[in-house]
């Protein structure tokens, strides 16, 4: 009959041996292939600085509008929930 400690030690040794075997197995090298860029990606790279500035300005305007609406909603909640 084998004791629990002996069994655990044998399992540890087997795991270590398995790790060495896995380490020595050859690994498949990833293949890198170039895919054709989408039109959208090509368009973003072709944007002029002026176009990028306009797009950023539009996004900032929407962010400001969203924040103002969120502040108004919070104030309304505070007014009507906490009489």
N, C-alpha and C. Protein backbone atom coordinates (compact mmCIF):
# COMPACT_ATOMS: atom_id res chain seq x y z
N UNK A 1 0.84 -1.18 0.00
CA UNK A 1 0.00 0.00 0.00
C UNK A 1 0.89 1.25 0.00
N UNK A 2 0.52 2.22 -0.82
CA UNK A 2 1.30 3.44 -0.96
C UNK A 2 0.65 4.54 -0.11
N UNK A 3 1.48 5.35 0.52
CA UNK A 3 0.94 6.42 1.36
C UNK A 3 0.56 7.62 0.47
N UNK A 4 -0.21 8.49 1.08
CA UNK A 4 -0.67 9.66 0.34
C UNK A 4 0.51 10.54 -0.07
N UNK A 5 1.47 10.72 0.82
CA UNK A 5 2.62 11.57 0.52
C UNK A 5 3.44 10.99 -0.62
N UNK A 6 3.64 9.68 -0.62
CA UNK A 6 4.38 9.05 -1.70
C UNK A 6 3.65 9.21 -3.04
N UNK A 7 2.33 9.06 -2.99
CA UNK A 7 1.53 9.21 -4.20
C UNK A 7 1.64 10.64 -4.74
N UNK A 8 1.53 11.63 -3.85
CA UNK A 8 1.62 13.02 -4.28
C UNK A 8 3.00 13.32 -4.86
N UNK A 9 4.04 12.78 -4.23
CA UNK A 9 5.39 13.01 -4.75
C UNK A 9 5.55 12.39 -6.13
N UNK A 10 4.99 11.19 -6.33
CA UNK A 10 5.10 10.55 -7.64
C UNK A 10 4.33 11.36 -8.68
N UNK A 11 3.17 11.91 -8.31
CA UNK A 11 2.40 12.73 -9.24
C UNK A 11 3.17 14.00 -9.61
N UNK A 12 3.84 14.61 -8.63
CA UNK A 12 4.63 15.80 -8.92
C UNK A 12 5.75 15.47 -9.89
N UNK A 13 6.42 14.34 -9.67
CA UNK A 13 7.51 13.94 -10.57
C UNK A 13 6.97 13.69 -11.98
N UNK A 14 5.80 13.06 -12.08
CA UNK A 14 5.22 12.80 -13.39
C UNK A 14 4.86 14.11 -14.09
N UNK A 15 4.33 15.08 -13.33
CA UNK A 15 3.99 16.37 -13.93
C UNK A 15 5.23 17.08 -14.42
N UNK A 16 6.29 17.03 -13.65
CA UNK A 16 7.54 17.68 -14.07
C UNK A 16 8.06 17.01 -15.33
N UNK A 17 8.02 15.67 -15.39
CA UNK A 17 8.46 14.96 -16.59
C UNK A 17 7.60 15.34 -17.79
N UNK A 18 6.28 15.45 -17.58
CA UNK A 18 5.39 15.84 -18.67
C UNK A 18 5.71 17.24 -19.17
N UNK A 19 6.04 18.15 -18.25
CA UNK A 19 6.38 19.50 -18.65
C UNK A 19 7.63 19.51 -19.52
N UNK A 20 8.62 18.70 -19.17
CA UNK A 20 9.84 18.63 -19.97
C UNK A 20 9.56 18.04 -21.34
N UNK A 21 8.69 17.06 -21.40
CA UNK A 21 8.36 16.45 -22.68
C UNK A 21 7.63 17.46 -23.56
N UNK A 22 6.67 18.20 -22.98
CA UNK A 22 5.93 19.20 -23.75
C UNK A 22 6.86 20.31 -24.22
N UNK A 23 7.82 20.66 -23.41
CA UNK A 23 8.74 21.73 -23.77
C UNK A 23 9.60 21.33 -24.96
N UNK A 24 9.93 20.05 -25.05
CA UNK A 24 10.80 19.59 -26.12
C UNK A 24 10.06 19.32 -27.42
N UNK A 25 8.72 19.31 -27.40
CA UNK A 25 7.97 19.07 -28.63
C UNK A 25 8.09 20.27 -29.56
N UNK A 26 8.14 20.01 -30.86
CA UNK A 26 8.25 21.14 -31.80
C UNK A 26 6.97 21.97 -31.78
N UNK A 27 7.14 23.25 -31.94
CA UNK A 27 6.02 24.19 -31.93
C UNK A 27 5.80 24.68 -33.35
N UNK A 28 4.54 24.75 -33.75
CA UNK A 28 4.24 25.27 -35.08
C UNK A 28 4.51 26.77 -35.12
N UNK A 29 5.23 27.18 -36.12
CA UNK A 29 5.52 28.60 -36.28
C UNK A 29 4.32 29.28 -36.92
N UNK A 30 3.93 30.44 -36.42
CA UNK A 30 2.80 31.14 -37.03
C UNK A 30 3.19 31.66 -38.41
N UNK A 31 2.23 31.62 -39.29
CA UNK A 31 2.47 32.15 -40.63
C UNK A 31 1.86 33.54 -40.72
N UNK A 32 2.61 34.43 -41.27
CA UNK A 32 2.15 35.80 -41.42
C UNK A 32 1.83 36.04 -42.88
N UNK A 33 0.60 36.39 -43.14
CA UNK A 33 0.21 36.68 -44.51
C UNK A 33 -0.42 38.06 -44.55
N UNK A 34 -0.17 38.73 -45.62
CA UNK A 34 -0.74 40.06 -45.77
C UNK A 34 -2.11 39.95 -46.39
N UNK A 35 -3.07 40.58 -45.74
CA UNK A 35 -4.41 40.61 -46.31
C UNK A 35 -4.60 41.95 -46.98
N UNK A 36 -5.52 41.98 -47.89
CA UNK A 36 -5.81 43.21 -48.61
C UNK A 36 -6.49 44.19 -47.67
N UNK A 37 -6.01 45.42 -47.58
CA UNK A 37 -6.67 46.39 -46.69
C UNK A 37 -8.05 46.75 -47.21
N UNK A 38 -8.96 46.92 -46.28
CA UNK A 38 -10.31 47.34 -46.65
C UNK A 38 -10.27 48.78 -47.12
N UNK A 39 -11.30 49.17 -47.83
CA UNK A 39 -11.37 50.54 -48.31
C UNK A 39 -11.44 51.52 -47.15
N UNK A 40 -12.15 51.12 -46.10
CA UNK A 40 -12.31 52.01 -44.95
C UNK A 40 -10.96 52.26 -44.28
N UNK A 41 -10.17 51.21 -44.12
CA UNK A 41 -8.86 51.38 -43.49
C UNK A 41 -7.97 52.26 -44.36
N UNK A 42 -8.02 52.05 -45.64
CA UNK A 42 -7.23 52.87 -46.54
C UNK A 42 -7.67 54.32 -46.50
N UNK A 43 -8.97 54.55 -46.31
CA UNK A 43 -9.52 55.89 -46.26
C UNK A 43 -9.04 56.61 -45.00
N UNK A 44 -8.95 55.90 -43.88
CA UNK A 44 -8.51 56.54 -42.64
C UNK A 44 -7.06 56.98 -42.74
N UNK A 45 -6.25 56.21 -43.42
CA UNK A 45 -4.85 56.57 -43.55
C UNK A 45 -4.68 57.74 -44.52
N UNK A 46 -5.64 57.90 -45.41
CA UNK A 46 -5.54 58.95 -46.41
C UNK A 46 -6.18 60.25 -45.96
N UNK A 47 -6.68 60.29 -44.73
CA UNK A 47 -7.35 61.51 -44.25
C UNK A 47 -6.32 62.61 -44.04
N UNK A 48 -6.73 63.81 -44.39
CA UNK A 48 -5.85 64.96 -44.18
C UNK A 48 -5.98 65.41 -42.73
N UNK A 49 -5.03 66.17 -42.26
CA UNK A 49 -5.13 66.68 -40.88
C UNK A 49 -6.38 67.51 -40.65
N UNK A 50 -6.84 68.23 -41.68
CA UNK A 50 -8.06 69.03 -41.53
C UNK A 50 -9.27 68.14 -41.32
N UNK A 51 -9.33 67.03 -42.05
CA UNK A 51 -10.45 66.10 -41.89
C UNK A 51 -10.41 65.46 -40.50
N UNK A 52 -9.22 65.12 -40.05
CA UNK A 52 -9.09 64.53 -38.72
C UNK A 52 -9.53 65.51 -37.64
N UNK A 53 -9.19 66.78 -37.83
CA UNK A 53 -9.57 67.81 -36.86
C UNK A 53 -11.08 67.98 -36.82
N UNK A 54 -11.72 67.99 -37.99
CA UNK A 54 -13.17 68.12 -38.04
C UNK A 54 -13.85 66.93 -37.38
N UNK A 55 -13.34 65.73 -37.64
CA UNK A 55 -13.93 64.53 -37.05
C UNK A 55 -13.77 64.56 -35.53
N UNK A 56 -12.61 64.96 -35.06
CA UNK A 56 -12.38 65.05 -33.62
C UNK A 56 -13.30 66.10 -33.00
N UNK A 57 -13.47 67.24 -33.67
CA UNK A 57 -14.36 68.28 -33.17
C UNK A 57 -15.80 67.80 -33.05
N UNK A 58 -16.26 67.04 -34.06
CA UNK A 58 -17.61 66.50 -34.03
C UNK A 58 -17.78 65.53 -32.86
N UNK A 59 -16.78 64.68 -32.65
CA UNK A 59 -16.87 63.72 -31.53
C UNK A 59 -16.87 64.45 -30.19
N UNK A 60 -16.06 65.49 -30.08
CA UNK A 60 -16.03 66.25 -28.83
C UNK A 60 -17.35 66.96 -28.60
N UNK A 61 -17.96 67.48 -29.64
CA UNK A 61 -19.26 68.13 -29.49
C UNK A 61 -20.31 67.14 -28.98
N UNK A 62 -20.32 65.93 -29.54
CA UNK A 62 -21.27 64.91 -29.08
C UNK A 62 -20.99 64.53 -27.63
N UNK A 63 -19.71 64.45 -27.25
CA UNK A 63 -19.37 64.12 -25.87
C UNK A 63 -19.85 65.21 -24.92
N UNK A 64 -19.70 66.46 -25.31
CA UNK A 64 -20.16 67.57 -24.48
C UNK A 64 -21.68 67.54 -24.33
N UNK A 65 -22.39 67.30 -25.41
CA UNK A 65 -23.86 67.23 -25.37
C UNK A 65 -24.29 66.09 -24.44
N UNK A 66 -23.65 64.95 -24.57
CA UNK A 66 -23.99 63.81 -23.72
C UNK A 66 -23.76 64.13 -22.25
N UNK A 67 -22.65 64.78 -21.91
CA UNK A 67 -22.36 65.11 -20.52
C UNK A 67 -23.36 66.12 -19.96
N UNK A 68 -23.75 67.11 -20.77
CA UNK A 68 -24.74 68.09 -20.32
C UNK A 68 -26.07 67.40 -20.04
N UNK A 69 -26.49 66.50 -20.94
CA UNK A 69 -27.74 65.77 -20.72
C UNK A 69 -27.65 64.89 -19.47
N UNK A 70 -26.52 64.27 -19.25
CA UNK A 70 -26.35 63.44 -18.06
C UNK A 70 -26.44 64.27 -16.79
N UNK A 71 -25.87 65.47 -16.79
CA UNK A 71 -25.94 66.36 -15.62
C UNK A 71 -27.38 66.78 -15.37
N UNK A 72 -28.11 67.10 -16.43
CA UNK A 72 -29.52 67.49 -16.27
C UNK A 72 -30.33 66.34 -15.68
N UNK A 73 -30.10 65.14 -16.17
CA UNK A 73 -30.83 63.96 -15.65
C UNK A 73 -30.52 63.75 -14.17
N UNK A 74 -29.26 63.91 -13.79
CA UNK A 74 -28.89 63.73 -12.37
C UNK A 74 -29.59 64.77 -11.52
N UNK A 75 -29.60 66.04 -11.96
CA UNK A 75 -30.29 67.08 -11.19
C UNK A 75 -31.78 66.79 -11.07
N UNK A 76 -32.40 66.34 -12.14
CA UNK A 76 -33.83 66.00 -12.07
C UNK A 76 -34.08 64.87 -11.09
N UNK A 77 -33.23 63.89 -11.10
CA UNK A 77 -33.38 62.78 -10.14
C UNK A 77 -33.22 63.30 -8.71
N UNK A 78 -32.24 64.14 -8.50
CA UNK A 78 -32.03 64.69 -7.14
C UNK A 78 -33.22 65.53 -6.69
N UNK A 79 -33.80 66.29 -7.59
CA UNK A 79 -34.92 67.15 -7.22
C UNK A 79 -36.16 66.34 -6.88
N UNK A 80 -36.52 65.36 -7.72
CA UNK A 80 -37.78 64.66 -7.55
C UNK A 80 -37.69 63.45 -6.61
N UNK A 81 -36.53 62.90 -6.41
CA UNK A 81 -36.42 61.73 -5.54
C UNK A 81 -36.20 62.15 -4.10
N UNK A 82 -35.55 63.25 -3.90
CA UNK A 82 -35.22 63.71 -2.55
C UNK A 82 -35.99 64.97 -2.21
N UNK A 83 -37.29 64.88 -1.86
CA UNK A 83 -38.09 66.10 -1.61
C UNK A 83 -37.76 66.79 -0.31
